[in-house]
PDBML (XML) file of the C-alpha atoms, coordinates in Angstrom:
<?xml version="1.0" encoding="UTF-8" ?>
<PDBx:datablock datablockName="MODEL"
   xmlns:PDBx="http://pdbml.pdb.org/schema/pdbx-v50.xsd"
   xmlns:xsi="http://www.w3.org/2001/XMLSchema-instance"
   xsi:schemaLocation="http://pdbml.pdb.org/schema/pdbx-v50.xsd pdbx-v50.xsd">
   <PDBx:atom_siteCategory>
      <PDBx:atom_site id="1">
         <PDBx:B_iso_or_equiv>0.00</PDBx:B_iso_or_equiv>
         <PDBx:Cartn_x>0.000</PDBx:Cartn_x>
         <PDBx:Cartn_y>0.000</PDBx:Cartn_y>
         <PDBx:Cartn_z>0.000</PDBx:Cartn_z>
         <PDBx:auth_asym_id>A</PDBx:auth_asym_id>
         <PDBx:auth_atom_id>CA</PDBx:auth_atom_id>
         <PDBx:auth_comp_id>UNK</PDBx:auth_comp_id>
         <PDBx:auth_seq_id>1</PDBx:auth_seq_id>
         <PDBx:group_PDB>ATOM</PDBx:group_PDB>
         <PDBx:label_alt_id xsi:nil="true" />
         <PDBx:label_asym_id>A</PDBx:label_asym_id>
         <PDBx:label_atom_id>CA</PDBx:label_atom_id>
         <PDBx:label_comp_id>UNK</PDBx:label_comp_id>
         <PDBx:label_entity_id>1</PDBx:label_entity_id>
         <PDBx:label_seq_id>1</PDBx:label_seq_id>
         <PDBx:occupancy>1.00</PDBx:occupancy>
         <PDBx:pdbx_PDB_model_num>1</PDBx:pdbx_PDB_model_num>
         <PDBx:type_symbol>C</PDBx:type_symbol>
      </PDBx:atom_site>
      <PDBx:atom_site id="2">
         <PDBx:B_iso_or_equiv>0.00</PDBx:B_iso_or_equiv>
         <PDBx:Cartn_x>0.899</PDBx:Cartn_x>
         <PDBx:Cartn_y>3.679</PDBx:Cartn_y>
         <PDBx:Cartn_z>-0.140</PDBx:Cartn_z>
         <PDBx:auth_asym_id>A</PDBx:auth_asym_id>
         <PDBx:auth_atom_id>CA</PDBx:auth_atom_id>
         <PDBx:auth_comp_id>UNK</PDBx:auth_comp_id>
         <PDBx:auth_seq_id>2</PDBx:auth_seq_id>
         <PDBx:group_PDB>ATOM</PDBx:group_PDB>
         <PDBx:label_alt_id xsi:nil="true" />
         <PDBx:label_asym_id>A</PDBx:label_asym_id>
         <PDBx:label_atom_id>CA</PDBx:label_atom_id>
         <PDBx:label_comp_id>UNK</PDBx:label_comp_id>
         <PDBx:label_entity_id>1</PDBx:label_entity_id>
         <PDBx:label_seq_id>2</PDBx:label_seq_id>
         <PDBx:occupancy>1.00</PDBx:occupancy>
         <PDBx:pdbx_PDB_model_num>1</PDBx:pdbx_PDB_model_num>
         <PDBx:type_symbol>C</PDBx:type_symbol>
      </PDBx:atom_site>
      <PDBx:atom_site id="3">
         <PDBx:B_iso_or_equiv>0.00</PDBx:B_iso_or_equiv>
         <PDBx:Cartn_x>2.182</PDBx:Cartn_x>
         <PDBx:Cartn_y>3.574</PDBx:Cartn_y>
         <PDBx:Cartn_z>3.454</PDBx:Cartn_z>
         <PDBx:auth_asym_id>A</PDBx:auth_asym_id>
         <PDBx:auth_atom_id>CA</PDBx:auth_atom_id>
         <PDBx:auth_comp_id>UNK</PDBx:auth_comp_id>
         <PDBx:auth_seq_id>3</PDBx:auth_seq_id>
         <PDBx:group_PDB>ATOM</PDBx:group_PDB>
         <PDBx:label_alt_id xsi:nil="true" />
         <PDBx:label_asym_id>A</PDBx:label_asym_id>
         <PDBx:label_atom_id>CA</PDBx:label_atom_id>
         <PDBx:label_comp_id>UNK</PDBx:label_comp_id>
         <PDBx:label_entity_id>1</PDBx:label_entity_id>
         <PDBx:label_seq_id>3</PDBx:label_seq_id>
         <PDBx:occupancy>1.00</PDBx:occupancy>
         <PDBx:pdbx_PDB_model_num>1</PDBx:pdbx_PDB_model_num>
         <PDBx:type_symbol>C</PDBx:type_symbol>
      </PDBx:atom_site>
      <PDBx:atom_site id="4">
         <PDBx:B_iso_or_equiv>0.00</PDBx:B_iso_or_equiv>
         <PDBx:Cartn_x>4.386</PDBx:Cartn_x>
         <PDBx:Cartn_y>0.521</PDBx:Cartn_y>
         <PDBx:Cartn_z>2.735</PDBx:Cartn_z>
         <PDBx:auth_asym_id>A</PDBx:auth_asym_id>
         <PDBx:auth_atom_id>CA</PDBx:auth_atom_id>
         <PDBx:auth_comp_id>UNK</PDBx:auth_comp_id>
         <PDBx:auth_seq_id>4</PDBx:auth_seq_id>
         <PDBx:group_PDB>ATOM</PDBx:group_PDB>
         <PDBx:label_alt_id xsi:nil="true" />
         <PDBx:label_asym_id>A</PDBx:label_asym_id>
         <PDBx:label_atom_id>CA</PDBx:label_atom_id>
         <PDBx:label_comp_id>UNK</PDBx:label_comp_id>
         <PDBx:label_entity_id>1</PDBx:label_entity_id>
         <PDBx:label_seq_id>4</PDBx:label_seq_id>
         <PDBx:occupancy>1.00</PDBx:occupancy>
         <PDBx:pdbx_PDB_model_num>1</PDBx:pdbx_PDB_model_num>
         <PDBx:type_symbol>C</PDBx:type_symbol>
      </PDBx:atom_site>
      <PDBx:atom_site id="5">
         <PDBx:B_iso_or_equiv>0.00</PDBx:B_iso_or_equiv>
         <PDBx:Cartn_x>1.973</PDBx:Cartn_x>
         <PDBx:Cartn_y>-1.856</PDBx:Cartn_y>
         <PDBx:Cartn_z>4.438</PDBx:Cartn_z>
         <PDBx:auth_asym_id>A</PDBx:auth_asym_id>
         <PDBx:auth_atom_id>CA</PDBx:auth_atom_id>
         <PDBx:auth_comp_id>UNK</PDBx:auth_comp_id>
         <PDBx:auth_seq_id>5</PDBx:auth_seq_id>
         <PDBx:group_PDB>ATOM</PDBx:group_PDB>
         <PDBx:label_alt_id xsi:nil="true" />
         <PDBx:label_asym_id>A</PDBx:label_asym_id>
         <PDBx:label_atom_id>CA</PDBx:label_atom_id>
         <PDBx:label_comp_id>UNK</PDBx:label_comp_id>
         <PDBx:label_entity_id>1</PDBx:label_entity_id>
         <PDBx:label_seq_id>5</PDBx:label_seq_id>
         <PDBx:occupancy>1.00</PDBx:occupancy>
         <PDBx:pdbx_PDB_model_num>1</PDBx:pdbx_PDB_model_num>
         <PDBx:type_symbol>C</PDBx:type_symbol>
      </PDBx:atom_site>
      <PDBx:atom_site id="6">
         <PDBx:B_iso_or_equiv>0.00</PDBx:B_iso_or_equiv>
         <PDBx:Cartn_x>1.212</PDBx:Cartn_x>
         <PDBx:Cartn_y>-5.386</PDBx:Cartn_y>
         <PDBx:Cartn_z>3.273</PDBx:Cartn_z>
         <PDBx:auth_asym_id>A</PDBx:auth_asym_id>
         <PDBx:auth_atom_id>CA</PDBx:auth_atom_id>
         <PDBx:auth_comp_id>UNK</PDBx:auth_comp_id>
         <PDBx:auth_seq_id>6</PDBx:auth_seq_id>
         <PDBx:group_PDB>ATOM</PDBx:group_PDB>
         <PDBx:label_alt_id xsi:nil="true" />
         <PDBx:label_asym_id>A</PDBx:label_asym_id>
         <PDBx:label_atom_id>CA</PDBx:label_atom_id>
         <PDBx:label_comp_id>UNK</PDBx:label_comp_id>
         <PDBx:label_entity_id>1</PDBx:label_entity_id>
         <PDBx:label_seq_id>6</PDBx:label_seq_id>
         <PDBx:occupancy>1.00</PDBx:occupancy>
         <PDBx:pdbx_PDB_model_num>1</PDBx:pdbx_PDB_model_num>
         <PDBx:type_symbol>C</PDBx:type_symbol>
      </PDBx:atom_site>
      <PDBx:atom_site id="7">
         <PDBx:B_iso_or_equiv>0.00</PDBx:B_iso_or_equiv>
         <PDBx:Cartn_x>-1.515</PDBx:Cartn_x>
         <PDBx:Cartn_y>-7.771</PDBx:Cartn_y>
         <PDBx:Cartn_z>4.358</PDBx:Cartn_z>
         <PDBx:auth_asym_id>A</PDBx:auth_asym_id>
         <PDBx:auth_atom_id>CA</PDBx:auth_atom_id>
         <PDBx:auth_comp_id>UNK</PDBx:auth_comp_id>
         <PDBx:auth_seq_id>7</PDBx:auth_seq_id>
         <PDBx:group_PDB>ATOM</PDBx:group_PDB>
         <PDBx:label_alt_id xsi:nil="true" />
         <PDBx:label_asym_id>A</PDBx:label_asym_id>
         <PDBx:label_atom_id>CA</PDBx:label_atom_id>
         <PDBx:label_comp_id>UNK</PDBx:label_comp_id>
         <PDBx:label_entity_id>1</PDBx:label_entity_id>
         <PDBx:label_seq_id>7</PDBx:label_seq_id>
         <PDBx:occupancy>1.00</PDBx:occupancy>
         <PDBx:pdbx_PDB_model_num>1</PDBx:pdbx_PDB_model_num>
         <PDBx:type_symbol>C</PDBx:type_symbol>
      </PDBx:atom_site>
      <PDBx:atom_site id="8">
         <PDBx:B_iso_or_equiv>0.00</PDBx:B_iso_or_equiv>
         <PDBx:Cartn_x>-0.382</PDBx:Cartn_x>
         <PDBx:Cartn_y>-11.257</PDBx:Cartn_y>
         <PDBx:Cartn_z>5.336</PDBx:Cartn_z>
         <PDBx:auth_asym_id>A</PDBx:auth_asym_id>
         <PDBx:auth_atom_id>CA</PDBx:auth_atom_id>
         <PDBx:auth_comp_id>UNK</PDBx:auth_comp_id>
         <PDBx:auth_seq_id>8</PDBx:auth_seq_id>
         <PDBx:group_PDB>ATOM</PDBx:group_PDB>
         <PDBx:label_alt_id xsi:nil="true" />
         <PDBx:label_asym_id>A</PDBx:label_asym_id>
         <PDBx:label_atom_id>CA</PDBx:label_atom_id>
         <PDBx:label_comp_id>UNK</PDBx:label_comp_id>
         <PDBx:label_entity_id>1</PDBx:label_entity_id>
         <PDBx:label_seq_id>8</PDBx:label_seq_id>
         <PDBx:occupancy>1.00</PDBx:occupancy>
         <PDBx:pdbx_PDB_model_num>1</PDBx:pdbx_PDB_model_num>
         <PDBx:type_symbol>C</PDBx:type_symbol>
      </PDBx:atom_site>
      <PDBx:atom_site id="9">
         <PDBx:B_iso_or_equiv>0.00</PDBx:B_iso_or_equiv>
         <PDBx:Cartn_x>-2.871</PDBx:Cartn_x>
         <PDBx:Cartn_y>-13.643</PDBx:Cartn_y>
         <PDBx:Cartn_z>3.688</PDBx:Cartn_z>
         <PDBx:auth_asym_id>A</PDBx:auth_asym_id>
         <PDBx:auth_atom_id>CA</PDBx:auth_atom_id>
         <PDBx:auth_comp_id>UNK</PDBx:auth_comp_id>
         <PDBx:auth_seq_id>9</PDBx:auth_seq_id>
         <PDBx:group_PDB>ATOM</PDBx:group_PDB>
         <PDBx:label_alt_id xsi:nil="true" />
         <PDBx:label_asym_id>A</PDBx:label_asym_id>
         <PDBx:label_atom_id>CA</PDBx:label_atom_id>
         <PDBx:label_comp_id>UNK</PDBx:label_comp_id>
         <PDBx:label_entity_id>1</PDBx:label_entity_id>
         <PDBx:label_seq_id>9</PDBx:label_seq_id>
         <PDBx:occupancy>1.00</PDBx:occupancy>
         <PDBx:pdbx_PDB_model_num>1</PDBx:pdbx_PDB_model_num>
         <PDBx:type_symbol>C</PDBx:type_symbol>
      </PDBx:atom_site>
      <PDBx:atom_site id="10">
         <PDBx:B_iso_or_equiv>0.00</PDBx:B_iso_or_equiv>
         <PDBx:Cartn_x>-5.419</PDBx:Cartn_x>
         <PDBx:Cartn_y>-15.231</PDBx:Cartn_y>
         <PDBx:Cartn_z>6.052</PDBx:Cartn_z>
         <PDBx:auth_asym_id>A</PDBx:auth_asym_id>
         <PDBx:auth_atom_id>CA</PDBx:auth_atom_id>
         <PDBx:auth_comp_id>UNK</PDBx:auth_comp_id>
         <PDBx:auth_seq_id>10</PDBx:auth_seq_id>
         <PDBx:group_PDB>ATOM</PDBx:group_PDB>
         <PDBx:label_alt_id xsi:nil="true" />
         <PDBx:label_asym_id>A</PDBx:label_asym_id>
         <PDBx:label_atom_id>CA</PDBx:label_atom_id>
         <PDBx:label_comp_id>UNK</PDBx:label_comp_id>
         <PDBx:label_entity_id>1</PDBx:label_entity_id>
         <PDBx:label_seq_id>10</PDBx:label_seq_id>
         <PDBx:occupancy>1.00</PDBx:occupancy>
         <PDBx:pdbx_PDB_model_num>1</PDBx:pdbx_PDB_model_num>
         <PDBx:type_symbol>C</PDBx:type_symbol>
      </PDBx:atom_site>
      <PDBx:atom_site id="11">
         <PDBx:B_iso_or_equiv>0.00</PDBx:B_iso_or_equiv>
         <PDBx:Cartn_x>-4.190</PDBx:Cartn_x>
         <PDBx:Cartn_y>-18.790</PDBx:Cartn_y>
         <PDBx:Cartn_z>5.424</PDBx:Cartn_z>
         <PDBx:auth_asym_id>A</PDBx:auth_asym_id>
         <PDBx:auth_atom_id>CA</PDBx:auth_atom_id>
         <PDBx:auth_comp_id>UNK</PDBx:auth_comp_id>
         <PDBx:auth_seq_id>11</PDBx:auth_seq_id>
         <PDBx:group_PDB>ATOM</PDBx:group_PDB>
         <PDBx:label_alt_id xsi:nil="true" />
         <PDBx:label_asym_id>A</PDBx:label_asym_id>
         <PDBx:label_atom_id>CA</PDBx:label_atom_id>
         <PDBx:label_comp_id>UNK</PDBx:label_comp_id>
         <PDBx:label_entity_id>1</PDBx:label_entity_id>
         <PDBx:label_seq_id>11</PDBx:label_seq_id>
         <PDBx:occupancy>1.00</PDBx:occupancy>
         <PDBx:pdbx_PDB_model_num>1</PDBx:pdbx_PDB_model_num>
         <PDBx:type_symbol>C</PDBx:type_symbol>
      </PDBx:atom_site>
      <PDBx:atom_site id="12">
         <PDBx:B_iso_or_equiv>0.00</PDBx:B_iso_or_equiv>
         <PDBx:Cartn_x>-0.646</PDBx:Cartn_x>
         <PDBx:Cartn_y>-17.778</PDBx:Cartn_y>
         <PDBx:Cartn_z>6.393</PDBx:Cartn_z>
         <PDBx:auth_asym_id>A</PDBx:auth_asym_id>
         <PDBx:auth_atom_id>CA</PDBx:auth_atom_id>
         <PDBx:auth_comp_id>UNK</PDBx:auth_comp_id>
         <PDBx:auth_seq_id>12</PDBx:auth_seq_id>
         <PDBx:group_PDB>ATOM</PDBx:group_PDB>
         <PDBx:label_alt_id xsi:nil="true" />
         <PDBx:label_asym_id>A</PDBx:label_asym_id>
         <PDBx:label_atom_id>CA</PDBx:label_atom_id>
         <PDBx:label_comp_id>UNK</PDBx:label_comp_id>
         <PDBx:label_entity_id>1</PDBx:label_entity_id>
         <PDBx:label_seq_id>12</PDBx:label_seq_id>
         <PDBx:occupancy>1.00</PDBx:occupancy>
         <PDBx:pdbx_PDB_model_num>1</PDBx:pdbx_PDB_model_num>
         <PDBx:type_symbol>C</PDBx:type_symbol>
      </PDBx:atom_site>
      <PDBx:atom_site id="13">
         <PDBx:B_iso_or_equiv>0.00</PDBx:B_iso_or_equiv>
         <PDBx:Cartn_x>-1.817</PDBx:Cartn_x>
         <PDBx:Cartn_y>-15.920</PDBx:Cartn_y>
         <PDBx:Cartn_z>9.512</PDBx:Cartn_z>
         <PDBx:auth_asym_id>A</PDBx:auth_asym_id>
         <PDBx:auth_atom_id>CA</PDBx:auth_atom_id>
         <PDBx:auth_comp_id>UNK</PDBx:auth_comp_id>
         <PDBx:auth_seq_id>13</PDBx:auth_seq_id>
         <PDBx:group_PDB>ATOM</PDBx:group_PDB>
         <PDBx:label_alt_id xsi:nil="true" />
         <PDBx:label_asym_id>A</PDBx:label_asym_id>
         <PDBx:label_atom_id>CA</PDBx:label_atom_id>
         <PDBx:label_comp_id>UNK</PDBx:label_comp_id>
         <PDBx:label_entity_id>1</PDBx:label_entity_id>
         <PDBx:label_seq_id>13</PDBx:label_seq_id>
         <PDBx:occupancy>1.00</PDBx:occupancy>
         <PDBx:pdbx_PDB_model_num>1</PDBx:pdbx_PDB_model_num>
         <PDBx:type_symbol>C</PDBx:type_symbol>
      </PDBx:atom_site>
      <PDBx:atom_site id="14">
         <PDBx:B_iso_or_equiv>0.00</PDBx:B_iso_or_equiv>
         <PDBx:Cartn_x>-3.754</PDBx:Cartn_x>
         <PDBx:Cartn_y>-19.034</PDBx:Cartn_y>
         <PDBx:Cartn_z>10.525</PDBx:Cartn_z>
         <PDBx:auth_asym_id>A</PDBx:auth_asym_id>
         <PDBx:auth_atom_id>CA</PDBx:auth_atom_id>
         <PDBx:auth_comp_id>UNK</PDBx:auth_comp_id>
         <PDBx:auth_seq_id>14</PDBx:auth_seq_id>
         <PDBx:group_PDB>ATOM</PDBx:group_PDB>
         <PDBx:label_alt_id xsi:nil="true" />
         <PDBx:label_asym_id>A</PDBx:label_asym_id>
         <PDBx:label_atom_id>CA</PDBx:label_atom_id>
         <PDBx:label_comp_id>UNK</PDBx:label_comp_id>
         <PDBx:label_entity_id>1</PDBx:label_entity_id>
         <PDBx:label_seq_id>14</PDBx:label_seq_id>
         <PDBx:occupancy>1.00</PDBx:occupancy>
         <PDBx:pdbx_PDB_model_num>1</PDBx:pdbx_PDB_model_num>
         <PDBx:type_symbol>C</PDBx:type_symbol>
      </PDBx:atom_site>
      <PDBx:atom_site id="15">
         <PDBx:B_iso_or_equiv>0.00</PDBx:B_iso_or_equiv>
         <PDBx:Cartn_x>-0.814</PDBx:Cartn_x>
         <PDBx:Cartn_y>-21.335</PDBx:Cartn_y>
         <PDBx:Cartn_z>9.757</PDBx:Cartn_z>
         <PDBx:auth_asym_id>A</PDBx:auth_asym_id>
         <PDBx:auth_atom_id>CA</PDBx:auth_atom_id>
         <PDBx:auth_comp_id>UNK</PDBx:auth_comp_id>
         <PDBx:auth_seq_id>15</PDBx:auth_seq_id>
         <PDBx:group_PDB>ATOM</PDBx:group_PDB>
         <PDBx:label_alt_id xsi:nil="true" />
         <PDBx:label_asym_id>A</PDBx:label_asym_id>
         <PDBx:label_atom_id>CA</PDBx:label_atom_id>
         <PDBx:label_comp_id>UNK</PDBx:label_comp_id>
         <PDBx:label_entity_id>1</PDBx:label_entity_id>
         <PDBx:label_seq_id>15</PDBx:label_seq_id>
         <PDBx:occupancy>1.00</PDBx:occupancy>
         <PDBx:pdbx_PDB_model_num>1</PDBx:pdbx_PDB_model_num>
         <PDBx:type_symbol>C</PDBx:type_symbol>
      </PDBx:atom_site>
      <PDBx:atom_site id="16">
         <PDBx:B_iso_or_equiv>0.00</PDBx:B_iso_or_equiv>
         <PDBx:Cartn_x>1.461</PDBx:Cartn_x>
         <PDBx:Cartn_y>-19.377</PDBx:Cartn_y>
         <PDBx:Cartn_z>12.112</PDBx:Cartn_z>
         <PDBx:auth_asym_id>A</PDBx:auth_asym_id>
         <PDBx:auth_atom_id>CA</PDBx:auth_atom_id>
         <PDBx:auth_comp_id>UNK</PDBx:auth_comp_id>
         <PDBx:auth_seq_id>16</PDBx:auth_seq_id>
         <PDBx:group_PDB>ATOM</PDBx:group_PDB>
         <PDBx:label_alt_id xsi:nil="true" />
         <PDBx:label_asym_id>A</PDBx:label_asym_id>
         <PDBx:label_atom_id>CA</PDBx:label_atom_id>
         <PDBx:label_comp_id>UNK</PDBx:label_comp_id>
         <PDBx:label_entity_id>1</PDBx:label_entity_id>
         <PDBx:label_seq_id>16</PDBx:label_seq_id>
         <PDBx:occupancy>1.00</PDBx:occupancy>
         <PDBx:pdbx_PDB_model_num>1</PDBx:pdbx_PDB_model_num>
         <PDBx:type_symbol>C</PDBx:type_symbol>
      </PDBx:atom_site>
      <PDBx:atom_site id="17">
         <PDBx:B_iso_or_equiv>0.00</PDBx:B_iso_or_equiv>
         <PDBx:Cartn_x>-1.138</PDBx:Cartn_x>
         <PDBx:Cartn_y>-18.259</PDBx:Cartn_y>
         <PDBx:Cartn_z>14.651</PDBx:Cartn_z>
         <PDBx:auth_asym_id>A</PDBx:auth_asym_id>
         <PDBx:auth_atom_id>CA</PDBx:auth_atom_id>
         <PDBx:auth_comp_id>UNK</PDBx:auth_comp_id>
         <PDBx:auth_seq_id>17</PDBx:auth_seq_id>
         <PDBx:group_PDB>ATOM</PDBx:group_PDB>
         <PDBx:label_alt_id xsi:nil="true" />
         <PDBx:label_asym_id>A</PDBx:label_asym_id>
         <PDBx:label_atom_id>CA</PDBx:label_atom_id>
         <PDBx:label_comp_id>UNK</PDBx:label_comp_id>
         <PDBx:label_entity_id>1</PDBx:label_entity_id>
         <PDBx:label_seq_id>17</PDBx:label_seq_id>
         <PDBx:occupancy>1.00</PDBx:occupancy>
         <PDBx:pdbx_PDB_model_num>1</PDBx:pdbx_PDB_model_num>
         <PDBx:type_symbol>C</PDBx:type_symbol>
      </PDBx:atom_site>
      <PDBx:atom_site id="18">
         <PDBx:B_iso_or_equiv>0.00</PDBx:B_iso_or_equiv>
         <PDBx:Cartn_x>-0.646</PDBx:Cartn_x>
         <PDBx:Cartn_y>-14.555</PDBx:Cartn_y>
         <PDBx:Cartn_z>13.868</PDBx:Cartn_z>
         <PDBx:auth_asym_id>A</PDBx:auth_asym_id>
         <PDBx:auth_atom_id>CA</PDBx:auth_atom_id>
         <PDBx:auth_comp_id>UNK</PDBx:auth_comp_id>
         <PDBx:auth_seq_id>18</PDBx:auth_seq_id>
         <PDBx:group_PDB>ATOM</PDBx:group_PDB>
         <PDBx:label_alt_id xsi:nil="true" />
         <PDBx:label_asym_id>A</PDBx:label_asym_id>
         <PDBx:label_atom_id>CA</PDBx:label_atom_id>
         <PDBx:label_comp_id>UNK</PDBx:label_comp_id>
         <PDBx:label_entity_id>1</PDBx:label_entity_id>
         <PDBx:label_seq_id>18</PDBx:label_seq_id>
         <PDBx:occupancy>1.00</PDBx:occupancy>
         <PDBx:pdbx_PDB_model_num>1</PDBx:pdbx_PDB_model_num>
         <PDBx:type_symbol>C</PDBx:type_symbol>
      </PDBx:atom_site>
      <PDBx:atom_site id="19">
         <PDBx:B_iso_or_equiv>0.00</PDBx:B_iso_or_equiv>
         <PDBx:Cartn_x>-3.403</PDBx:Cartn_x>
         <PDBx:Cartn_y>-12.494</PDBx:Cartn_y>
         <PDBx:Cartn_z>15.451</PDBx:Cartn_z>
         <PDBx:auth_asym_id>A</PDBx:auth_asym_id>
         <PDBx:auth_atom_id>CA</PDBx:auth_atom_id>
         <PDBx:auth_comp_id>UNK</PDBx:auth_comp_id>
         <PDBx:auth_seq_id>19</PDBx:auth_seq_id>
         <PDBx:group_PDB>ATOM</PDBx:group_PDB>
         <PDBx:label_alt_id xsi:nil="true" />
         <PDBx:label_asym_id>A</PDBx:label_asym_id>
         <PDBx:label_atom_id>CA</PDBx:label_atom_id>
         <PDBx:label_comp_id>UNK</PDBx:label_comp_id>
         <PDBx:label_entity_id>1</PDBx:label_entity_id>
         <PDBx:label_seq_id>19</PDBx:label_seq_id>
         <PDBx:occupancy>1.00</PDBx:occupancy>
         <PDBx:pdbx_PDB_model_num>1</PDBx:pdbx_PDB_model_num>
         <PDBx:type_symbol>C</PDBx:type_symbol>
      </PDBx:atom_site>
      <PDBx:atom_site id="20">
         <PDBx:B_iso_or_equiv>0.00</PDBx:B_iso_or_equiv>
         <PDBx:Cartn_x>-4.252</PDBx:Cartn_x>
         <PDBx:Cartn_y>-8.773</PDBx:Cartn_y>
         <PDBx:Cartn_z>15.441</PDBx:Cartn_z>
         <PDBx:auth_asym_id>A</PDBx:auth_asym_id>
         <PDBx:auth_atom_id>CA</PDBx:auth_atom_id>
         <PDBx:auth_comp_id>UNK</PDBx:auth_comp_id>
         <PDBx:auth_seq_id>20</PDBx:auth_seq_id>
         <PDBx:group_PDB>ATOM</PDBx:group_PDB>
         <PDBx:label_alt_id xsi:nil="true" />
         <PDBx:label_asym_id>A</PDBx:label_asym_id>
         <PDBx:label_atom_id>CA</PDBx:label_atom_id>
         <PDBx:label_comp_id>UNK</PDBx:label_comp_id>
         <PDBx:label_entity_id>1</PDBx:label_entity_id>
         <PDBx:label_seq_id>20</PDBx:label_seq_id>
         <PDBx:occupancy>1.00</PDBx:occupancy>
         <PDBx:pdbx_PDB_model_num>1</PDBx:pdbx_PDB_model_num>
         <PDBx:type_symbol>C</PDBx:type_symbol>
      </PDBx:atom_site>
      <PDBx:atom_site id="21">
         <PDBx:B_iso_or_equiv>0.00</PDBx:B_iso_or_equiv>
         <PDBx:Cartn_x>-1.940</PDBx:Cartn_x>
         <PDBx:Cartn_y>-6.919</PDBx:Cartn_y>
         <PDBx:Cartn_z>17.827</PDBx:Cartn_z>
         <PDBx:auth_asym_id>A</PDBx:auth_asym_id>
         <PDBx:auth_atom_id>CA</PDBx:auth_atom_id>
         <PDBx:auth_comp_id>UNK</PDBx:auth_comp_id>
         <PDBx:auth_seq_id>21</PDBx:auth_seq_id>
         <PDBx:group_PDB>ATOM</PDBx:group_PDB>
         <PDBx:label_alt_id xsi:nil="true" />
         <PDBx:label_asym_id>A</PDBx:label_asym_id>
         <PDBx:label_atom_id>CA</PDBx:label_atom_id>
         <PDBx:label_comp_id>UNK</PDBx:label_comp_id>
         <PDBx:label_entity_id>1</PDBx:label_entity_id>
         <PDBx:label_seq_id>21</PDBx:label_seq_id>
         <PDBx:occupancy>1.00</PDBx:occupancy>
         <PDBx:pdbx_PDB_model_num>1</PDBx:pdbx_PDB_model_num>
         <PDBx:type_symbol>C</PDBx:type_symbol>
      </PDBx:atom_site>
      <PDBx:atom_site id="22">
         <PDBx:B_iso_or_equiv>0.00</PDBx:B_iso_or_equiv>
         <PDBx:Cartn_x>0.855</PDBx:Cartn_x>
         <PDBx:Cartn_y>-9.520</PDBx:Cartn_y>
         <PDBx:Cartn_z>17.596</PDBx:Cartn_z>
         <PDBx:auth_asym_id>A</PDBx:auth_asym_id>
         <PDBx:auth_atom_id>CA</PDBx:auth_atom_id>
         <PDBx:auth_comp_id>UNK</PDBx:auth_comp_id>
         <PDBx:auth_seq_id>22</PDBx:auth_seq_id>
         <PDBx:group_PDB>ATOM</PDBx:group_PDB>
         <PDBx:label_alt_id xsi:nil="true" />
         <PDBx:label_asym_id>A</PDBx:label_asym_id>
         <PDBx:label_atom_id>CA</PDBx:label_atom_id>
         <PDBx:label_comp_id>UNK</PDBx:label_comp_id>
         <PDBx:label_entity_id>1</PDBx:label_entity_id>
         <PDBx:label_seq_id>22</PDBx:label_seq_id>
         <PDBx:occupancy>1.00</PDBx:occupancy>
         <PDBx:pdbx_PDB_model_num>1</PDBx:pdbx_PDB_model_num>
         <PDBx:type_symbol>C</PDBx:type_symbol>
      </PDBx:atom_site>
      <PDBx:atom_site id="23">
         <PDBx:B_iso_or_equiv>0.00</PDBx:B_iso_or_equiv>
         <PDBx:Cartn_x>4.377</PDBx:Cartn_x>
         <PDBx:Cartn_y>-8.252</PDBx:Cartn_y>
         <PDBx:Cartn_z>17.095</PDBx:Cartn_z>
         <PDBx:auth_asym_id>A</PDBx:auth_asym_id>
         <PDBx:auth_atom_id>CA</PDBx:auth_atom_id>
         <PDBx:auth_comp_id>UNK</PDBx:auth_comp_id>
         <PDBx:auth_seq_id>23</PDBx:auth_seq_id>
         <PDBx:group_PDB>ATOM</PDBx:group_PDB>
         <PDBx:label_alt_id xsi:nil="true" />
         <PDBx:label_asym_id>A</PDBx:label_asym_id>
         <PDBx:label_atom_id>CA</PDBx:label_atom_id>
         <PDBx:label_comp_id>UNK</PDBx:label_comp_id>
         <PDBx:label_entity_id>1</PDBx:label_entity_id>
         <PDBx:label_seq_id>23</PDBx:label_seq_id>
         <PDBx:occupancy>1.00</PDBx:occupancy>
         <PDBx:pdbx_PDB_model_num>1</PDBx:pdbx_PDB_model_num>
         <PDBx:type_symbol>C</PDBx:type_symbol>
      </PDBx:atom_site>
      <PDBx:atom_site id="24">
         <PDBx:B_iso_or_equiv>0.00</PDBx:B_iso_or_equiv>
         <PDBx:Cartn_x>6.351</PDBx:Cartn_x>
         <PDBx:Cartn_y>-9.907</PDBx:Cartn_y>
         <PDBx:Cartn_z>14.323</PDBx:Cartn_z>
         <PDBx:auth_asym_id>A</PDBx:auth_asym_id>
         <PDBx:auth_atom_id>CA</PDBx:auth_atom_id>
         <PDBx:auth_comp_id>UNK</PDBx:auth_comp_id>
         <PDBx:auth_seq_id>24</PDBx:auth_seq_id>
         <PDBx:group_PDB>ATOM</PDBx:group_PDB>
         <PDBx:label_alt_id xsi:nil="true" />
         <PDBx:label_asym_id>A</PDBx:label_asym_id>
         <PDBx:label_atom_id>CA</PDBx:label_atom_id>
         <PDBx:label_comp_id>UNK</PDBx:label_comp_id>
         <PDBx:label_entity_id>1</PDBx:label_entity_id>
         <PDBx:label_seq_id>24</PDBx:label_seq_id>
         <PDBx:occupancy>1.00</PDBx:occupancy>
         <PDBx:pdbx_PDB_model_num>1</PDBx:pdbx_PDB_model_num>
         <PDBx:type_symbol>C</PDBx:type_symbol>
      </PDBx:atom_site>
   </PDBx:atom_siteCategory>
</PDBx:datablock>
């Protein structure tokens, strides 16, 4: 995106247990 942000696809977030507010 314009601010340099990307969205991690849902399937990948689920695979690694990444939830809103997590730090990566």
